[in-house]
Amino acid sequence: MRKGFLFRWVVNALGLLFVSWLFEGIRVDGLGWAFVAALFLGVFNALIRPVLILLTLPITIVTMGLFILVINALMLWLTGWLLAGFHVQGFWTAIGGALVLGIISLAANGLVGERGNFEVIEMHRGSGDRWERRS
């Protein structure tokens, strides 16, 4: 198993705890439930979310991509509906939680490369005093 997967899983679990602290309508019953919820959310985002994005493509285009936030909220709500130790109450709470969790996930994914490993990008000054990526 790649370190990047474990890192994203831990960050998303901690993100769920943060979101539950931030929003009154989202509740996690403990650290263990946060990890289970993060795992379920990851599976739903990998399997169900792409199908929903494809089915709702016209409305996503019309809303200039904002409907993706609704899909993310639905994934968060579905996780809360299926798990006994994770609760999401209300549509707007799910939207807010999905927005914050999306920002946290974006930051975590920025640290993990395509192969699932942590990446360090080295830069150096090249010709013309411009910054270039070191190979």
C-alpha atoms as a PDB file:
ATOM      1  CA  MET A   1       0.000   0.000   0.000  1.00  0.00           C
ATOM      2  CA  ARG A   2       1.321   3.431  -0.885  1.00  0.00           C
ATOM      3  CA  LYS A   3       2.173   6.022   1.743  1.00  0.00           C
ATOM      4  CA  GLY A   4       0.155   8.587  -0.190  1.00  0.00           C
ATOM      5  CA  PHE A   5      -3.058   6.597   0.233  1.00  0.00           C
ATOM      6  CA  LEU A   6      -2.527   6.334   3.978  1.00  0.00           C
ATOM      7  CA  PHE A   7      -1.672  10.029   4.180  1.00  0.00           C
ATOM      8  CA  ARG A   8      -4.860  11.023   2.303  1.00  0.00           C
ATOM      9  CA  TRP A   9      -6.931   8.669   4.447  1.00  0.00           C
ATOM     10  CA  VAL A  10      -5.567  10.166   7.679  1.00  0.00           C
ATOM     11  CA  VAL A  11      -5.980  13.734   6.396  1.00  0.00           C
ATOM     12  CA  ASN A  12      -9.571  13.058   5.303  1.00  0.00           C
ATOM     13  CA  ALA A  13     -10.394  11.439   8.661  1.00  0.00           C
ATOM     14  CA  LEU A  14      -8.960  14.446  10.485  1.00  0.00           C
ATOM     15  CA  GLY A  15     -10.809  16.663   8.013  1.00  0.00           C
ATOM     16  CA  LEU A  16     -14.075  14.958   8.945  1.00  0.00           C
ATOM     17  CA  LEU A  17     -13.323  15.603  12.622  1.00  0.00           C
ATOM     18  CA  PHE A  18     -12.614  19.255  11.822  1.00  0.00           C
ATOM     19  CA  VAL A  19     -15.818  19.554   9.776  1.00  0.00           C
ATOM     20  CA  SER A  20     -17.800  17.999  12.631  1.00  0.00           C
ATOM     21  CA  TRP A  21     -16.292  20.581  14.970  1.00  0.00           C
ATOM     22  CA  LEU A  22     -17.026  23.405  12.536  1.00  0.00           C
ATOM     23  CA  PHE A  23     -20.637  22.495  11.646  1.00  0.00           C
ATOM     24  CA  GLU A  24     -23.233  21.718  14.265  1.00  0.00           C
ATOM     25  CA  GLY A  25     -25.186  19.410  11.938  1.00  0.00           C
ATOM     26  CA  ILE A  26     -22.261  17.050  11.290  1.00  0.00           C
ATOM     27  CA  ARG A  27     -21.284  14.661  14.065  1.00  0.00           C
ATOM     28  CA  VAL A  28     -18.598  11.986  14.313  1.00  0.00           C
ATOM     29  CA  ASP A  29     -18.926   9.640  17.287  1.00  0.00           C
ATOM     30  CA  GLY A  30     -15.186   9.127  17.691  1.00  0.00           C
ATOM     31  CA  LEU A  31     -11.810   8.859  16.009  1.00  0.00           C
ATOM     32  CA  GLY A  32     -12.482   5.316  14.809  1.00  0.00           C
ATOM     33  CA  TRP A  33     -15.717   6.392  13.150  1.00  0.00           C
ATOM     34  CA  ALA A  34     -13.852   9.241  11.452  1.00  0.00           C
ATOM     35  CA  PHE A  35     -11.497   6.726   9.830  1.00  0.00           C
ATOM     36  CA  VAL A  36     -14.373   4.448   8.808  1.00  0.00           C
ATOM     37  CA  ALA A  37     -16.302   7.415   7.389  1.00  0.00           C
ATOM     38  CA  ALA A  38     -13.214   8.619   5.490  1.00  0.00           C
ATOM     39  CA  LEU A  39     -12.810   5.141   3.994  1.00  0.00           C
ATOM     40  CA  PHE A  40     -16.477   4.948   2.973  1.00  0.00           C
ATOM     41  CA  LEU A  41     -16.346   8.474   1.569  1.00  0.00           C
ATOM     42  CA  GLY A  42     -13.268   7.552  -0.466  1.00  0.00           C
ATOM     43  CA  VAL A  43     -14.969   4.465  -1.887  1.00  0.00           C
ATOM     44  CA  PHE A  44     -18.111   6.445  -2.752  1.00  0.00           C
ATOM     45  CA  ASN A  45     -16.020   9.159  -4.394  1.00  0.00           C
ATOM     46  CA  ALA A  46     -14.183   6.535  -6.431  1.00  0.00           C
ATOM     47  CA  LEU A  47     -17.217   4.485  -7.517  1.00  0.00           C
ATOM     48  CA  ILE A  48     -20.455   6.495  -7.358  1.00  0.00           C
ATOM     49  CA  ARG A  49     -19.279  10.090  -7.852  1.00  0.00           C
ATOM     50  CA  PRO A  50     -17.967   9.599 -11.427  1.00  0.00           C
ATOM     51  CA  VAL A  51     -21.301   8.090 -12.496  1.00  0.00           C
ATOM     52  CA  LEU A  52     -23.212  10.986 -10.943  1.00  0.00           C
ATOM     53  CA  ILE A  53     -20.910  13.510 -12.602  1.00  0.00           C
ATOM     54  CA  LEU A  54     -21.495  11.865 -15.967  1.00  0.00           C
ATOM     55  CA  LEU A  55     -25.280  11.724 -15.490  1.00  0.00           C
ATOM     56  CA  THR A  56     -25.487  15.354 -14.380  1.00  0.00           C
ATOM     57  CA  LEU A  57     -23.024  16.733 -16.917  1.00  0.00           C
ATOM     58  CA  PRO A  58     -25.553  19.100 -18.599  1.00  0.00           C
ATOM     59  CA  ILE A  59     -26.510  20.779 -15.313  1.00  0.00           C
ATOM     60  CA  THR A  60     -22.851  20.883 -14.274  1.00  0.00           C
ATOM     61  CA  ILE A  61     -22.003  22.720 -17.482  1.00  0.00           C
ATOM     62  CA  VAL A  62     -24.913  25.144 -17.064  1.00  0.00           C
ATOM     63  CA  THR A  63     -23.863  25.920 -13.476  1.00  0.00           C
ATOM     64  CA  MET A  64     -20.210  26.257 -14.553  1.00  0.00           C
ATOM     65  CA  GLY A  65     -19.141  23.350 -12.355  1.00  0.00           C
ATOM     66  CA  LEU A  66     -20.887  24.419  -9.159  1.00  0.00           C
ATOM     67  CA  PHE A  67     -23.157  21.376  -9.263  1.00  0.00           C
ATOM     68  CA  ILE A  68     -20.086  19.270  -8.392  1.00  0.00           C
ATOM     69  CA  LEU A  69     -20.413  20.727  -4.889  1.00  0.00           C
ATOM     70  CA  VAL A  70     -23.936  19.294  -4.695  1.00  0.00           C
ATOM     71  CA  ILE A  71     -22.597  15.884  -5.763  1.00  0.00           C
ATOM     72  CA  ASN A  72     -19.876  16.098  -3.100  1.00  0.00           C
ATOM     73  CA  ALA A  73     -22.532  16.996  -0.532  1.00  0.00           C
ATOM     74  CA  LEU A  74     -24.579  13.976  -1.621  1.00  0.00           C
ATOM     75  CA  MET A  75     -21.541  11.722  -1.097  1.00  0.00           C
ATOM     76  CA  LEU A  76     -21.071  13.166   2.395  1.00  0.00           C
ATOM     77  CA  TRP A  77     -24.776  12.755   3.149  1.00  0.00           C
ATOM     78  CA  LEU A  78     -24.755   9.157   1.838  1.00  0.00           C
ATOM     79  CA  THR A  79     -21.840   8.351   4.128  1.00  0.00           C
ATOM     80  CA  GLY A  80     -23.732   9.809   7.074  1.00  0.00           C
ATOM     81  CA  TRP A  81     -26.873   7.919   6.123  1.00  0.00           C
ATOM     82  CA  LEU A  82     -25.114   4.539   5.960  1.00  0.00           C
ATOM     83  CA  LEU A  83     -22.837   4.755   9.002  1.00  0.00           C
ATOM     84  CA  ALA A  84     -24.130   4.671  12.552  1.00  0.00           C
ATOM     85  CA  GLY A  85     -21.224   6.705  13.950  1.00  0.00           C
ATOM     86  CA  PHE A  86     -21.275   9.529  11.407  1.00  0.00           C
ATOM     87  CA  HIS A  87     -24.246  11.880  11.057  1.00  0.00           C
ATOM     88  CA  VAL A  88     -25.042  14.652   8.575  1.00  0.00           C
ATOM     89  CA  GLN A  89     -28.218  16.661   9.182  1.00  0.00           C
ATOM     90  CA  GLY A  90     -29.535  18.890   6.453  1.00  0.00           C
ATOM     91  CA  PHE A  91     -28.655  19.776   2.890  1.00  0.00           C
ATOM     92  CA  TRP A  92     -26.925  23.089   3.620  1.00  0.00           C
ATOM     93  CA  THR A  93     -24.837  21.489   6.336  1.00  0.00           C
ATOM     94  CA  ALA A  94     -23.754  18.835   3.830  1.00  0.00           C
ATOM     95  CA  ILE A  95     -22.902  21.577   1.296  1.00  0.00           C
ATOM     96  CA  GLY A  96     -20.777  23.457   3.841  1.00  0.00           C
ATOM     97  CA  GLY A  97     -19.084  20.278   5.020  1.00  0.00           C
ATOM     98  CA  ALA A  98     -18.371  19.180   1.455  1.00  0.00           C
ATOM     99  CA  LEU A  99     -16.865  22.575   0.644  1.00  0.00           C
ATOM    100  CA  VAL A 100     -14.508  22.552   3.637  1.00  0.00           C
ATOM    101  CA  LEU A 101     -13.639  18.878   3.189  1.00  0.00           C
ATOM    102  CA  GLY A 102     -12.955  19.498  -0.502  1.00  0.00           C
ATOM    103  CA  ILE A 103     -10.464  22.241   0.334  1.00  0.00           C
ATOM    104  CA  ILE A 104      -8.729  19.971   2.857  1.00  0.00           C
ATOM    105  CA  SER A 105      -8.586  17.101   0.332  1.00  0.00           C
ATOM    106  CA  LEU A 106      -7.257  19.418  -2.363  1.00  0.00           C
ATOM    107  CA  ALA A 107      -4.404  20.464  -0.087  1.00  0.00           C
ATOM    108  CA  ALA A 108      -3.621  16.837   0.808  1.00  0.00           C
ATOM    109  CA  ASN A 109      -3.708  15.702  -2.821  1.00  0.00           C
ATOM    110  CA  GLY A 110      -1.292  18.478  -3.736  1.00  0.00           C
ATOM    111  CA  LEU A 111       1.340  16.802  -1.569  1.00  0.00           C
ATOM    112  CA  VAL A 112       0.906  13.346  -3.093  1.00  0.00           C
ATOM    113  CA  GLY A 113       2.033  12.547  -6.626  1.00  0.00           C
ATOM    114  CA  GLU A 114       0.387  10.477  -9.358  1.00  0.00           C
ATOM    115  CA  ARG A 115       2.090   7.284  -8.177  1.00  0.00           C
ATOM    116  CA  GLY A 116       0.783   7.677  -4.640  1.00  0.00           C
ATOM    117  CA  ASN A 117       4.078   8.816  -3.146  1.00  0.00           C
ATOM    118  CA  PHE A 118       5.033  12.103  -1.562  1.00  0.00           C
ATOM    119  CA  GLU A 119       6.639  14.395  -4.094  1.00  0.00           C
ATOM    120  CA  VAL A 120       9.296  17.021  -3.693  1.00  0.00           C
ATOM    121  CA  ILE A 121       9.720  19.406  -6.587  1.00  0.00           C
ATOM    122  CA  GLU A 122      13.194  20.837  -6.928  1.00  0.00           C
ATOM    123  CA  MET A 123      13.612  24.131  -8.727  1.00  0.00           C
ATOM    124  CA  HIS A 124      16.781  25.854  -9.852  1.00  0.00           C
ATOM    125  CA  ARG A 125      17.667  28.998 -11.735  1.00  0.00           C
ATOM    126  CA  GLY A 126      18.220  28.228 -15.352  1.00  0.00           C
ATOM    127  CA  SER A 127      19.272  30.273 -18.317  1.00  0.00           C
ATOM    128  CA  GLY A 128      17.985  33.819 -18.384  1.00  0.00           C
ATOM    129  CA  ASP A 129      17.571  33.819 -14.598  1.00  0.00           C
ATOM    130  CA  ARG A 130      14.284  31.874 -14.891  1.00  0.00           C
ATOM    131  CA  TRP A 131      13.151  29.184 -12.479  1.00  0.00           C
ATOM    132  CA  GLU A 132      13.065  25.685 -13.978  1.00  0.00           C
ATOM    133  CA  ARG A 133      12.082  22.308 -12.619  1.00  0.00           C
ATOM    134  CA  ARG A 134      15.094  20.102 -11.937  1.00  0.00           C
ATOM    135  CA  SER A 135      14.862  16.708 -13.698  1.00  0.00           C
END
